[in-house]
């Protein structure tokens, strides 16, 4: 009979733990960078989408950020109160809510390059290394989502 402890994986050998703990560390770095801007990491990600697209529906933002509307809607309402975004019904279909940048969201865009560079320095890997890691993570994410 095998020892049941032999089958128990070591924490250091779990890919899921490496991903989880790395995500926590990345969020910690972003939290420190975003604190002076008075926004959260989730709010930052929404702003990044809007800085690129200028306008998106709630469902489009949710698809890009892998968030459901139940999570995204309260976040967007808080962002609207801070004038980071503007929410309005789509004129052609009132079931859809369009999101655009508010005046504070527009102002924050000028800080985005510095923030991106600061976090890049904190990673401690080359730009090419970061691209390779990102590509590998995207493959893993895609495979995991397909397996659900």
Protein backbone atom coordinates (compact mmCIF):
# COMPACT_ATOMS: atom_id res chain seq x y z
CA UNK A 1 0.00 0.00 0.00
CA UNK A 2 1.35 3.43 -1.01
CA UNK A 3 1.74 6.19 1.47
CA UNK A 4 -1.06 8.71 0.80
CA UNK A 5 1.38 11.52 1.55
CA UNK A 6 3.46 10.49 -1.48
CA UNK A 7 0.53 11.39 -3.74
CA UNK A 8 0.04 14.80 -2.22
CA UNK A 9 1.65 17.42 -4.45
CA UNK A 10 4.11 19.88 -3.01
CA UNK A 11 2.96 23.48 -3.18
CA UNK A 12 6.16 24.49 -4.99
CA UNK A 13 5.39 21.96 -7.75
CA UNK A 14 1.90 23.29 -8.54
CA UNK A 15 1.68 25.43 -11.67
CA UNK A 16 -1.64 26.80 -10.41
CA UNK A 17 0.09 28.12 -7.28
CA UNK A 18 2.87 29.73 -9.32
CA UNK A 19 0.26 31.47 -11.47
CA UNK A 20 -1.80 32.49 -8.43
CA UNK A 21 1.11 33.85 -6.41
CA UNK A 22 2.53 35.66 -9.45
CA UNK A 23 -0.87 37.26 -10.01
CA UNK A 24 -0.91 38.41 -6.38
CA UNK A 25 2.58 39.90 -6.77
CA UNK A 26 1.62 41.65 -10.02
CA UNK A 27 -1.51 43.09 -8.39
CA UNK A 28 0.59 44.33 -5.48
CA UNK A 29 2.91 46.20 -7.87
CA UNK A 30 -0.05 47.68 -9.74
CA UNK A 31 -1.81 48.62 -6.49
CA UNK A 32 1.21 50.69 -5.44
CA UNK A 33 1.41 52.36 -8.86
CA UNK A 34 -2.33 53.06 -9.05
CA UNK A 35 -2.81 54.33 -5.50
CA UNK A 36 -1.66 57.90 -6.33
CA UNK A 37 -4.13 57.90 -9.25
CA UNK A 38 -6.91 56.81 -6.87
CA UNK A 39 -8.04 53.88 -9.05
CA UNK A 40 -8.09 50.12 -8.59
CA UNK A 41 -6.50 47.55 -10.86
CA UNK A 42 -9.93 46.55 -12.22
CA UNK A 43 -10.72 50.17 -12.97
CA UNK A 44 -7.36 50.54 -14.70
CA UNK A 45 -8.12 47.58 -16.97
CA UNK A 46 -11.47 49.11 -17.97
CA UNK A 47 -9.71 52.39 -18.72
CA UNK A 48 -7.09 50.61 -20.85
CA UNK A 49 -9.89 49.13 -22.97
CA UNK A 50 -11.48 52.57 -23.39
CA UNK A 51 -8.19 54.33 -24.10
CA UNK A 52 -7.82 51.96 -27.04
CA UNK A 53 -11.43 51.88 -28.27
CA UNK A 54 -12.95 55.15 -26.98
CA UNK A 55 -16.36 53.43 -26.71
CA UNK A 56 -17.48 49.89 -25.88
CA UNK A 57 -20.56 48.11 -24.61
CA UNK A 58 -20.56 46.51 -21.18
CA UNK A 59 -20.54 43.07 -22.83
CA UNK A 60 -17.57 43.98 -25.06
CA UNK A 61 -15.58 45.14 -22.04
CA UNK A 62 -16.59 42.00 -20.16
CA UNK A 63 -15.41 39.76 -23.00
CA UNK A 64 -12.03 41.48 -23.16
CA UNK A 65 -11.51 41.39 -19.38
CA UNK A 66 -13.07 37.94 -18.83
CA UNK A 67 -15.64 39.47 -16.45
CA UNK A 68 -19.38 38.89 -16.36
CA UNK A 69 -21.84 41.79 -16.28
CA UNK A 70 -22.74 41.07 -12.65
CA UNK A 71 -19.13 41.86 -11.70
CA UNK A 72 -18.61 44.64 -14.23
CA UNK A 73 -21.80 46.67 -13.70
CA UNK A 74 -21.10 47.70 -10.06
CA UNK A 75 -17.51 48.52 -11.03
CA UNK A 76 -18.70 50.74 -13.90
CA UNK A 77 -21.23 52.47 -11.63
CA UNK A 78 -18.45 53.34 -9.16
CA UNK A 79 -16.30 54.56 -12.04
CA UNK A 80 -19.15 56.71 -13.31
CA UNK A 81 -19.51 58.37 -9.89
CA UNK A 82 -15.79 59.25 -10.06
CA UNK A 83 -16.25 60.63 -13.62
CA UNK A 84 -13.86 58.01 -14.98
CA UNK A 85 -16.50 56.74 -17.41
CA UNK A 86 -19.86 57.72 -18.82
CA UNK A 87 -22.62 55.11 -19.10
CA UNK A 88 -25.52 55.54 -21.51
CA UNK A 89 -28.05 53.37 -23.29
CA UNK A 90 -27.33 52.60 -26.93
CA UNK A 91 -29.83 54.57 -29.05
CA UNK A 92 -30.33 51.69 -31.51
CA UNK A 93 -30.89 49.08 -28.77
CA UNK A 94 -31.56 50.23 -25.22
CA UNK A 95 -30.69 46.80 -23.86
CA UNK A 96 -27.03 47.66 -24.49
CA UNK A 97 -25.13 50.10 -22.31
CA UNK A 98 -22.35 52.09 -24.00
CA UNK A 99 -19.31 53.09 -21.97
CA UNK A 100 -17.07 56.03 -22.88
CA UNK A 101 -14.36 57.90 -21.03
CA UNK A 102 -15.35 60.55 -18.52
CA UNK A 103 -13.19 63.64 -17.99
CA UNK A 104 -11.17 62.00 -15.18
CA UNK A 105 -10.61 58.89 -17.31
CA UNK A 106 -9.31 61.05 -20.13
CA UNK A 107 -6.92 62.86 -17.74
CA UNK A 108 -5.51 59.57 -16.44
CA UNK A 109 -4.45 58.40 -19.89
CA UNK A 110 -1.36 60.61 -19.75
CA UNK A 111 -0.10 58.51 -16.81
CA UNK A 112 -0.57 55.18 -18.59
CA UNK A 113 2.83 55.09 -20.35
CA UNK A 114 4.76 55.81 -17.15
CA UNK A 115 2.74 53.17 -15.32
CA UNK A 116 3.36 50.57 -18.04
CA UNK A 117 7.11 51.29 -17.97
CA UNK A 118 7.28 51.14 -14.14
CA UNK A 119 5.58 47.77 -14.03
CA UNK A 120 7.79 46.56 -16.89
CA UNK A 121 10.88 47.46 -14.84
CA UNK A 122 9.47 45.65 -11.81
CA UNK A 123 9.14 42.46 -13.89
CA UNK A 124 12.90 42.26 -14.25
CA UNK A 125 12.78 40.54 -17.65
CA UNK A 126 13.53 41.80 -21.13
CA UNK A 127 10.78 43.08 -23.36
CA UNK A 128 11.17 39.96 -25.51
CA UNK A 129 11.04 37.75 -22.40
CA UNK A 130 7.85 39.49 -21.27
CA UNK A 131 6.28 38.93 -24.71
CA UNK A 132 7.16 35.22 -24.59
CA UNK A 133 5.72 34.81 -21.09
CA UNK A 134 2.55 36.65 -22.15
CA UNK A 135 2.14 34.40 -25.19
CA UNK A 136 2.62 31.26 -23.08
CA UNK A 137 0.04 32.49 -20.55
CA UNK A 138 -2.45 33.24 -23.33
CA UNK A 139 -2.08 29.68 -24.65
CA UNK A 140 -2.61 28.28 -21.14
CA UNK A 141 -5.67 30.49 -20.59
CA UNK A 142 -7.16 29.49 -23.93
CA UNK A 143 -6.61 25.79 -23.25
CA UNK A 144 -8.11 26.05 -19.78
CA UNK A 145 -11.19 27.90 -21.04
CA UNK A 146 -11.69 25.28 -23.75
CA UNK A 147 -11.56 22.51 -21.14
CA UNK A 148 -14.40 23.98 -19.05
